[in-house]
N, C-alpha and C. Protein backbone atom coordinates (compact mmCIF):
# COMPACT_ATOMS: atom_id res chain seq x y z
N MET A 1 -9.90 14.93 -10.48
CA MET A 1 -9.93 14.28 -9.18
C MET A 1 -10.19 12.79 -9.40
N TYR A 2 -9.45 11.97 -8.73
CA TYR A 2 -9.61 10.52 -8.84
C TYR A 2 -10.58 10.02 -7.78
N SER A 3 -11.39 9.08 -8.16
CA SER A 3 -12.28 8.43 -7.20
C SER A 3 -11.62 7.16 -6.73
N CYS A 4 -11.67 6.92 -5.44
CA CYS A 4 -11.06 5.71 -4.89
C CYS A 4 -12.10 4.62 -4.67
N HIS A 5 -13.29 4.84 -5.18
CA HIS A 5 -14.34 3.85 -5.03
C HIS A 5 -14.55 3.15 -6.37
N PHE A 6 -14.25 1.87 -6.42
CA PHE A 6 -14.38 1.08 -7.64
C PHE A 6 -15.65 0.25 -7.55
N GLY A 7 -15.92 -0.46 -8.63
CA GLY A 7 -16.97 -1.46 -8.59
C GLY A 7 -16.59 -2.55 -7.62
N ASP A 8 -17.57 -3.21 -7.06
CA ASP A 8 -17.31 -4.24 -6.05
C ASP A 8 -16.34 -5.31 -6.52
N THR A 9 -16.45 -5.74 -7.77
CA THR A 9 -15.59 -6.81 -8.27
C THR A 9 -14.12 -6.40 -8.25
N GLU A 10 -13.81 -5.21 -8.76
CA GLU A 10 -12.42 -4.76 -8.77
C GLU A 10 -11.84 -4.66 -7.37
N MET A 11 -12.57 -4.05 -6.46
CA MET A 11 -12.05 -3.91 -5.10
C MET A 11 -11.99 -5.25 -4.39
N ASN A 12 -12.97 -6.10 -4.62
CA ASN A 12 -12.92 -7.43 -4.00
C ASN A 12 -11.72 -8.21 -4.50
N ASP A 13 -11.42 -8.11 -5.79
CA ASP A 13 -10.23 -8.78 -6.35
C ASP A 13 -8.96 -8.24 -5.70
N PHE A 14 -8.86 -6.93 -5.63
CA PHE A 14 -7.67 -6.31 -5.03
C PHE A 14 -7.46 -6.78 -3.60
N TRP A 15 -8.52 -6.66 -2.78
CA TRP A 15 -8.38 -7.02 -1.36
C TRP A 15 -8.24 -8.52 -1.15
N ALA A 16 -8.78 -9.34 -2.05
CA ALA A 16 -8.57 -10.79 -1.95
C ALA A 16 -7.10 -11.13 -2.19
N ILE A 17 -6.47 -10.41 -3.10
CA ILE A 17 -5.05 -10.63 -3.35
C ILE A 17 -4.21 -10.15 -2.18
N ILE A 18 -4.56 -9.00 -1.60
CA ILE A 18 -3.83 -8.48 -0.44
C ILE A 18 -4.03 -9.39 0.76
N GLY A 19 -5.27 -9.79 1.00
CA GLY A 19 -5.57 -10.62 2.17
C GLY A 19 -5.55 -9.80 3.44
N THR A 20 -5.39 -10.49 4.55
CA THR A 20 -5.28 -9.85 5.86
C THR A 20 -3.96 -10.28 6.47
N ASN A 21 -3.17 -9.33 6.89
CA ASN A 21 -1.83 -9.62 7.39
C ASN A 21 -1.55 -8.82 8.65
N ASP A 22 -0.98 -9.48 9.62
CA ASP A 22 -0.57 -8.83 10.86
C ASP A 22 0.90 -8.47 10.72
N LEU A 23 1.20 -7.20 10.62
CA LEU A 23 2.58 -6.75 10.42
C LEU A 23 3.18 -6.29 11.74
N THR A 24 4.18 -7.01 12.21
CA THR A 24 4.83 -6.67 13.47
C THR A 24 6.34 -6.57 13.33
N SER A 25 6.87 -7.04 12.21
CA SER A 25 8.32 -7.08 12.02
C SER A 25 8.63 -7.12 10.53
N SER A 26 9.90 -6.97 10.21
CA SER A 26 10.29 -7.07 8.80
C SER A 26 10.02 -8.48 8.27
N GLU A 27 10.12 -9.47 9.15
CA GLU A 27 9.84 -10.85 8.75
C GLU A 27 8.36 -11.04 8.41
N SER A 28 7.49 -10.42 9.19
CA SER A 28 6.05 -10.55 8.90
C SER A 28 5.69 -9.80 7.62
N VAL A 29 6.39 -8.71 7.34
CA VAL A 29 6.18 -8.00 6.07
C VAL A 29 6.60 -8.90 4.92
N ALA A 30 7.76 -9.54 5.05
CA ALA A 30 8.25 -10.44 3.99
C ALA A 30 7.27 -11.59 3.75
N ALA A 31 6.72 -12.14 4.82
CA ALA A 31 5.76 -13.24 4.69
C ALA A 31 4.49 -12.76 3.99
N ALA A 32 4.01 -11.59 4.35
CA ALA A 32 2.80 -11.03 3.72
C ALA A 32 3.05 -10.77 2.24
N LEU A 33 4.20 -10.20 1.90
CA LEU A 33 4.53 -9.93 0.51
C LEU A 33 4.63 -11.23 -0.30
N ALA A 34 5.15 -12.28 0.32
CA ALA A 34 5.24 -13.59 -0.36
C ALA A 34 3.85 -14.13 -0.67
N LYS A 35 2.91 -13.95 0.25
CA LYS A 35 1.53 -14.41 0.00
C LYS A 35 0.90 -13.62 -1.15
N VAL A 36 1.11 -12.30 -1.15
CA VAL A 36 0.55 -11.47 -2.22
C VAL A 36 1.17 -11.87 -3.56
N ARG A 37 2.47 -12.07 -3.57
CA ARG A 37 3.16 -12.49 -4.79
C ARG A 37 2.59 -13.81 -5.31
N GLU A 38 2.38 -14.75 -4.41
CA GLU A 38 1.83 -16.04 -4.80
C GLU A 38 0.44 -15.88 -5.43
N ARG A 39 -0.39 -15.06 -4.82
CA ARG A 39 -1.73 -14.83 -5.37
C ARG A 39 -1.67 -14.12 -6.72
N LEU A 40 -0.76 -13.15 -6.85
CA LEU A 40 -0.61 -12.45 -8.12
C LEU A 40 -0.15 -13.39 -9.24
N SER A 41 0.68 -14.35 -8.89
CA SER A 41 1.22 -15.25 -9.92
C SER A 41 0.17 -16.18 -10.49
N THR A 42 -1.02 -16.24 -9.89
CA THR A 42 -2.09 -17.08 -10.42
C THR A 42 -3.11 -16.27 -11.21
N THR A 43 -2.83 -14.99 -11.42
CA THR A 43 -3.77 -14.13 -12.15
C THR A 43 -3.37 -14.06 -13.62
N SER A 44 -3.53 -12.92 -14.23
CA SER A 44 -3.16 -12.70 -15.63
C SER A 44 -2.49 -11.34 -15.73
N PRO A 45 -1.78 -11.08 -16.82
CA PRO A 45 -1.19 -9.75 -16.99
C PRO A 45 -2.22 -8.62 -16.89
N ALA A 46 -3.42 -8.83 -17.42
CA ALA A 46 -4.45 -7.78 -17.33
C ALA A 46 -4.85 -7.53 -15.87
N ARG A 47 -4.95 -8.60 -15.10
CA ARG A 47 -5.31 -8.43 -13.69
C ARG A 47 -4.15 -7.82 -12.90
N LEU A 48 -2.92 -8.07 -13.31
CA LEU A 48 -1.77 -7.42 -12.67
C LEU A 48 -1.86 -5.92 -12.85
N ALA A 49 -2.23 -5.50 -14.05
CA ALA A 49 -2.36 -4.06 -14.33
C ALA A 49 -3.48 -3.46 -13.48
N LYS A 50 -4.59 -4.17 -13.34
CA LYS A 50 -5.69 -3.69 -12.49
C LYS A 50 -5.25 -3.63 -11.03
N PHE A 51 -4.47 -4.62 -10.58
CA PHE A 51 -3.97 -4.62 -9.22
C PHE A 51 -3.10 -3.38 -8.99
N ASP A 52 -2.21 -3.12 -9.91
CA ASP A 52 -1.32 -1.95 -9.81
C ASP A 52 -2.13 -0.65 -9.75
N GLN A 53 -3.15 -0.56 -10.57
CA GLN A 53 -4.01 0.62 -10.57
C GLN A 53 -4.75 0.74 -9.24
N SER A 54 -5.27 -0.36 -8.73
CA SER A 54 -5.98 -0.34 -7.45
C SER A 54 -5.04 0.05 -6.31
N LEU A 55 -3.82 -0.44 -6.36
CA LEU A 55 -2.83 -0.07 -5.34
C LEU A 55 -2.58 1.43 -5.36
N ALA A 56 -2.40 1.99 -6.54
CA ALA A 56 -2.16 3.44 -6.64
C ALA A 56 -3.34 4.22 -6.06
N ARG A 57 -4.54 3.77 -6.33
CA ARG A 57 -5.72 4.46 -5.82
C ARG A 57 -5.80 4.39 -4.29
N GLN A 58 -5.41 3.27 -3.73
CA GLN A 58 -5.43 3.15 -2.27
C GLN A 58 -4.32 3.99 -1.63
N LEU A 59 -3.15 4.02 -2.27
CA LEU A 59 -2.07 4.89 -1.78
C LEU A 59 -2.49 6.35 -1.82
N TYR A 60 -3.18 6.72 -2.88
CA TYR A 60 -3.68 8.09 -3.02
C TYR A 60 -4.67 8.40 -1.91
N GLU A 61 -5.55 7.46 -1.61
CA GLU A 61 -6.55 7.68 -0.56
C GLU A 61 -5.89 7.90 0.80
N LEU A 62 -4.79 7.22 1.06
CA LEU A 62 -4.08 7.36 2.34
C LEU A 62 -3.16 8.58 2.38
N ASP A 63 -3.00 9.26 1.28
CA ASP A 63 -2.11 10.42 1.21
C ASP A 63 -2.78 11.62 1.89
N ARG A 64 -2.56 11.72 3.19
CA ARG A 64 -3.20 12.77 3.99
C ARG A 64 -2.16 13.42 4.90
N GLY A 65 -2.22 14.72 4.95
CA GLY A 65 -1.28 15.47 5.77
C GLY A 65 -1.26 15.02 7.23
N GLU A 66 -2.43 14.72 7.77
CA GLU A 66 -2.49 14.30 9.18
C GLU A 66 -1.69 13.02 9.42
N PHE A 67 -1.62 12.12 8.44
CA PHE A 67 -0.84 10.88 8.59
C PHE A 67 0.65 11.17 8.40
N PHE A 68 0.96 12.09 7.48
CA PHE A 68 2.36 12.44 7.22
C PHE A 68 3.00 13.11 8.43
N GLU A 69 2.22 13.84 9.19
CA GLU A 69 2.74 14.56 10.36
C GLU A 69 3.05 13.65 11.55
N ILE A 70 2.61 12.41 11.52
CA ILE A 70 2.90 11.48 12.61
C ILE A 70 4.39 11.16 12.59
N PRO A 71 5.09 11.38 13.70
CA PRO A 71 6.53 11.13 13.70
C PRO A 71 6.84 9.63 13.73
N VAL A 72 8.02 9.30 13.26
CA VAL A 72 8.55 7.95 13.38
C VAL A 72 9.19 7.85 14.75
N VAL A 73 8.84 6.83 15.51
CA VAL A 73 9.44 6.63 16.82
C VAL A 73 10.37 5.42 16.72
N ARG A 74 11.65 5.67 16.92
CA ARG A 74 12.63 4.59 16.87
C ARG A 74 12.52 3.72 18.11
N ASP A 75 13.11 2.56 18.07
CA ASP A 75 13.09 1.64 19.22
C ASP A 75 13.72 2.26 20.46
N ASP A 76 14.66 3.20 20.26
CA ASP A 76 15.30 3.85 21.40
C ASP A 76 14.50 5.06 21.91
N GLY A 77 13.30 5.28 21.32
CA GLY A 77 12.42 6.35 21.78
C GLY A 77 12.60 7.68 21.05
N ARG A 78 13.67 7.81 20.28
CA ARG A 78 13.87 9.05 19.54
C ARG A 78 12.87 9.15 18.41
N GLU A 79 12.46 10.37 18.11
CA GLU A 79 11.47 10.62 17.06
C GLU A 79 12.10 11.41 15.92
N PHE A 80 11.59 11.19 14.73
CA PHE A 80 11.98 12.02 13.61
C PHE A 80 10.81 12.12 12.64
N LYS A 81 10.85 13.15 11.82
CA LYS A 81 9.79 13.41 10.84
C LYS A 81 9.89 12.40 9.70
N GLN A 82 8.74 11.97 9.20
CA GLN A 82 8.73 11.08 8.05
C GLN A 82 9.22 11.82 6.81
N SER A 83 10.01 11.15 6.00
CA SER A 83 10.35 11.68 4.68
C SER A 83 9.21 11.31 3.73
N ASP A 84 9.23 11.86 2.54
CA ASP A 84 8.22 11.50 1.54
C ASP A 84 8.25 10.00 1.25
N ASP A 85 9.46 9.45 1.09
CA ASP A 85 9.58 8.01 0.83
C ASP A 85 9.10 7.19 2.02
N HIS A 86 9.50 7.57 3.22
CA HIS A 86 9.08 6.83 4.41
C HIS A 86 7.55 6.80 4.49
N PHE A 87 6.91 7.92 4.20
CA PHE A 87 5.46 8.00 4.24
C PHE A 87 4.83 7.10 3.18
N LEU A 88 5.41 7.06 2.00
CA LEU A 88 4.91 6.17 0.95
C LEU A 88 4.98 4.71 1.41
N TYR A 89 6.09 4.32 2.02
CA TYR A 89 6.25 2.94 2.45
C TYR A 89 5.35 2.62 3.65
N ALA A 90 5.09 3.61 4.50
CA ALA A 90 4.15 3.42 5.61
C ALA A 90 2.74 3.19 5.06
N ARG A 91 2.38 3.90 4.00
CA ARG A 91 1.08 3.69 3.36
C ARG A 91 1.01 2.29 2.77
N CYS A 92 2.10 1.80 2.19
CA CYS A 92 2.14 0.43 1.69
C CYS A 92 1.90 -0.56 2.82
N ALA A 93 2.52 -0.32 3.97
CA ALA A 93 2.33 -1.22 5.12
C ALA A 93 0.87 -1.23 5.56
N CYS A 94 0.24 -0.08 5.59
CA CYS A 94 -1.17 0.00 5.98
C CYS A 94 -2.02 -0.82 5.02
N ILE A 95 -1.80 -0.67 3.74
CA ILE A 95 -2.57 -1.42 2.74
C ILE A 95 -2.31 -2.91 2.89
N LEU A 96 -1.08 -3.28 3.14
CA LEU A 96 -0.71 -4.69 3.24
C LEU A 96 -1.41 -5.40 4.41
N THR A 97 -1.89 -4.66 5.39
CA THR A 97 -2.61 -5.29 6.50
C THR A 97 -4.03 -5.67 6.10
N GLY A 98 -4.57 -5.07 5.05
CA GLY A 98 -5.88 -5.47 4.55
C GLY A 98 -6.92 -4.37 4.58
N ALA A 99 -8.06 -4.68 3.97
CA ALA A 99 -9.14 -3.71 3.78
C ALA A 99 -9.73 -3.23 5.10
N THR A 100 -9.91 -4.12 6.04
CA THR A 100 -10.54 -3.74 7.31
C THR A 100 -9.69 -2.73 8.05
N THR A 101 -8.40 -3.01 8.15
CA THR A 101 -7.51 -2.09 8.85
C THR A 101 -7.44 -0.75 8.14
N MET A 102 -7.34 -0.77 6.82
CA MET A 102 -7.28 0.49 6.09
C MET A 102 -8.54 1.31 6.33
N ALA A 103 -9.69 0.66 6.30
CA ALA A 103 -10.95 1.37 6.56
C ALA A 103 -10.96 1.95 7.97
N GLN A 104 -10.43 1.22 8.94
CA GLN A 104 -10.36 1.72 10.32
C GLN A 104 -9.45 2.94 10.41
N VAL A 105 -8.34 2.92 9.70
CA VAL A 105 -7.42 4.07 9.71
C VAL A 105 -8.12 5.28 9.09
N LEU A 106 -8.76 5.08 7.95
CA LEU A 106 -9.42 6.20 7.27
C LEU A 106 -10.59 6.77 8.06
N SER A 107 -11.25 5.94 8.84
CA SER A 107 -12.39 6.41 9.63
C SER A 107 -11.96 7.00 10.97
N GLY A 108 -10.69 6.85 11.31
CA GLY A 108 -10.20 7.37 12.59
C GLY A 108 -10.33 6.39 13.73
N ASP A 109 -10.78 5.17 13.44
CA ASP A 109 -10.93 4.16 14.49
C ASP A 109 -9.62 3.46 14.84
N ARG A 110 -8.60 3.67 14.03
CA ARG A 110 -7.28 3.09 14.29
C ARG A 110 -6.23 4.10 13.88
N SER A 111 -5.17 4.17 14.64
CA SER A 111 -4.11 5.13 14.36
C SER A 111 -3.22 4.65 13.21
N PHE A 112 -2.74 5.59 12.43
CA PHE A 112 -1.78 5.31 11.37
C PHE A 112 -0.36 5.16 11.94
N ALA A 113 -0.15 5.59 13.16
CA ALA A 113 1.20 5.67 13.75
C ALA A 113 1.97 4.35 13.66
N GLY A 114 1.32 3.24 13.89
CA GLY A 114 2.02 1.95 13.87
C GLY A 114 2.67 1.63 12.54
N PHE A 115 2.15 2.19 11.47
CA PHE A 115 2.68 1.89 10.14
C PHE A 115 3.94 2.68 9.82
N THR A 116 4.26 3.66 10.63
CA THR A 116 5.47 4.44 10.40
C THR A 116 6.71 3.75 10.97
N ALA A 117 6.54 2.62 11.64
CA ALA A 117 7.67 1.91 12.26
C ALA A 117 8.72 1.55 11.22
N ILE A 118 9.96 1.75 11.57
CA ILE A 118 11.06 1.46 10.66
C ILE A 118 11.04 0.00 10.23
N ARG A 119 10.67 -0.90 11.13
CA ARG A 119 10.68 -2.33 10.83
C ARG A 119 9.65 -2.72 9.76
N LEU A 120 8.74 -1.81 9.39
CA LEU A 120 7.73 -2.11 8.37
C LEU A 120 8.04 -1.47 7.02
N GLN A 121 9.17 -0.77 6.93
CA GLN A 121 9.50 -0.03 5.70
C GLN A 121 9.72 -0.94 4.49
N SER A 122 9.99 -2.22 4.71
CA SER A 122 10.17 -3.13 3.58
C SER A 122 8.86 -3.38 2.84
N ALA A 123 7.75 -2.88 3.37
CA ALA A 123 6.47 -2.95 2.65
C ALA A 123 6.57 -2.19 1.33
N GLU A 124 7.62 -1.39 1.17
CA GLU A 124 7.88 -0.70 -0.10
C GLU A 124 7.80 -1.67 -1.28
N LEU A 125 8.20 -2.90 -1.07
CA LEU A 125 8.25 -3.87 -2.16
C LEU A 125 6.88 -4.16 -2.77
N LEU A 126 5.82 -3.83 -2.05
CA LEU A 126 4.47 -3.96 -2.60
C LEU A 126 4.33 -3.14 -3.88
N LEU A 127 5.04 -2.03 -3.96
CA LEU A 127 4.99 -1.15 -5.13
C LEU A 127 5.44 -1.85 -6.41
N TYR A 128 6.30 -2.85 -6.30
CA TYR A 128 6.94 -3.46 -7.45
C TYR A 128 6.46 -4.88 -7.74
N LEU A 129 5.60 -5.44 -6.88
CA LEU A 129 5.21 -6.84 -7.03
C LEU A 129 4.53 -7.15 -8.35
N ALA A 130 3.53 -6.39 -8.74
CA ALA A 130 2.80 -6.69 -9.97
C ALA A 130 3.74 -6.64 -11.18
N GLU A 131 4.61 -5.64 -11.22
CA GLU A 131 5.56 -5.53 -12.33
C GLU A 131 6.50 -6.73 -12.37
N ARG A 132 7.02 -7.11 -11.21
CA ARG A 132 7.95 -8.24 -11.16
C ARG A 132 7.27 -9.55 -11.52
N VAL A 133 6.06 -9.76 -11.04
CA VAL A 133 5.33 -10.98 -11.39
C VAL A 133 5.06 -11.00 -12.89
N GLY A 134 4.71 -9.87 -13.46
CA GLY A 134 4.49 -9.80 -14.91
C GLY A 134 5.72 -10.26 -15.68
N GLU A 135 6.87 -9.77 -15.27
CA GLU A 135 8.11 -10.11 -15.97
C GLU A 135 8.56 -11.54 -15.68
N GLU A 136 8.55 -11.93 -14.41
CA GLU A 136 9.12 -13.22 -14.01
C GLU A 136 8.19 -14.41 -14.26
N VAL A 137 6.89 -14.22 -14.11
CA VAL A 137 5.95 -15.33 -14.27
C VAL A 137 5.37 -15.37 -15.68
N PHE A 138 5.00 -14.20 -16.20
CA PHE A 138 4.32 -14.16 -17.50
C PHE A 138 5.23 -13.72 -18.64
N GLY A 139 6.42 -13.22 -18.32
CA GLY A 139 7.35 -12.79 -19.36
C GLY A 139 6.91 -11.56 -20.12
N VAL A 140 6.11 -10.70 -19.46
CA VAL A 140 5.61 -9.49 -20.12
C VAL A 140 5.78 -8.29 -19.21
N LYS A 141 5.82 -7.14 -19.84
CA LYS A 141 5.77 -5.89 -19.09
C LYS A 141 4.30 -5.52 -18.98
N ILE A 142 3.82 -5.30 -17.75
CA ILE A 142 2.39 -5.02 -17.60
C ILE A 142 2.06 -3.63 -18.11
N THR A 143 0.86 -3.50 -18.63
CA THR A 143 0.36 -2.23 -19.14
C THR A 143 0.01 -1.33 -17.96
N GLN A 144 0.48 -0.10 -18.01
CA GLN A 144 0.15 0.86 -16.96
C GLN A 144 -1.20 1.50 -17.28
N LEU A 145 -2.15 1.33 -16.39
CA LEU A 145 -3.47 1.94 -16.55
C LEU A 145 -3.48 3.32 -15.90
N PRO A 146 -4.38 4.19 -16.33
CA PRO A 146 -4.45 5.52 -15.70
C PRO A 146 -4.66 5.37 -14.19
N SER A 147 -3.82 6.02 -13.44
CA SER A 147 -3.86 5.92 -11.98
C SER A 147 -3.56 7.28 -11.38
N PRO A 148 -4.02 7.50 -10.17
CA PRO A 148 -3.68 8.76 -9.50
C PRO A 148 -2.21 8.77 -9.10
N PRO A 149 -1.65 9.94 -8.89
CA PRO A 149 -0.26 10.01 -8.42
C PRO A 149 -0.14 9.47 -6.99
N ILE A 150 0.99 8.88 -6.69
CA ILE A 150 1.18 8.32 -5.35
C ILE A 150 2.16 9.15 -4.51
N GLU A 151 2.69 10.21 -5.07
CA GLU A 151 3.66 11.03 -4.36
C GLU A 151 2.99 11.74 -3.18
N THR A 152 3.76 11.96 -2.15
CA THR A 152 3.28 12.65 -0.96
C THR A 152 2.76 14.04 -1.32
N GLY A 153 1.57 14.33 -0.84
CA GLY A 153 0.95 15.63 -1.06
C GLY A 153 0.10 15.71 -2.31
N SER A 154 -0.03 14.62 -3.06
CA SER A 154 -0.81 14.63 -4.31
C SER A 154 -2.30 14.73 -4.08
N ASN A 155 -2.79 14.15 -3.02
CA ASN A 155 -4.22 14.18 -2.72
C ASN A 155 -4.52 15.48 -1.98
N THR A 156 -4.55 16.55 -2.73
CA THR A 156 -4.58 17.90 -2.15
C THR A 156 -5.77 18.18 -1.26
N GLN A 157 -6.87 17.45 -1.42
CA GLN A 157 -8.03 17.71 -0.56
C GLN A 157 -7.74 17.39 0.90
N TYR A 158 -6.69 16.59 1.17
CA TYR A 158 -6.37 16.22 2.55
C TYR A 158 -5.08 16.87 3.07
N TRP A 159 -4.63 17.88 2.38
CA TRP A 159 -3.43 18.61 2.81
C TRP A 159 -3.80 20.08 3.00
N GLN A 160 -3.63 20.58 4.18
CA GLN A 160 -3.97 21.98 4.49
C GLN A 160 -2.73 22.71 4.95
């Protein structure tokens, strides 16, 4: 079982890089990702690997059946079930909004539903930022640290 609670320094570093972002459109997702990329480019390859590991742990923490069951509501009002990929990208969007919002979602003080919006699916790119910055800025392939699985249904304690 993976623990999603790190030492204060690691989590503070992760959330400082993520920042706080208001996601309302694909454009706001792109702007948030650009800020994260900029912050990552001032770190080091070792910190990129830690960021990637922290991201996986947060995705794992959000991997809950109750969030997966929330339907996607299209702009025309039609609903459909989230796919595994859609759910992964919705979790990326939730993380991209910042630590406070993620904590509110996990505590039940805020709904996860808003993150399933189709217009936020480009948050998927958060999955690849550390790797791309490693290659493009530092010219290295980042080391993969042990991380929990991010696939839908992996956090079995929250799937009934």
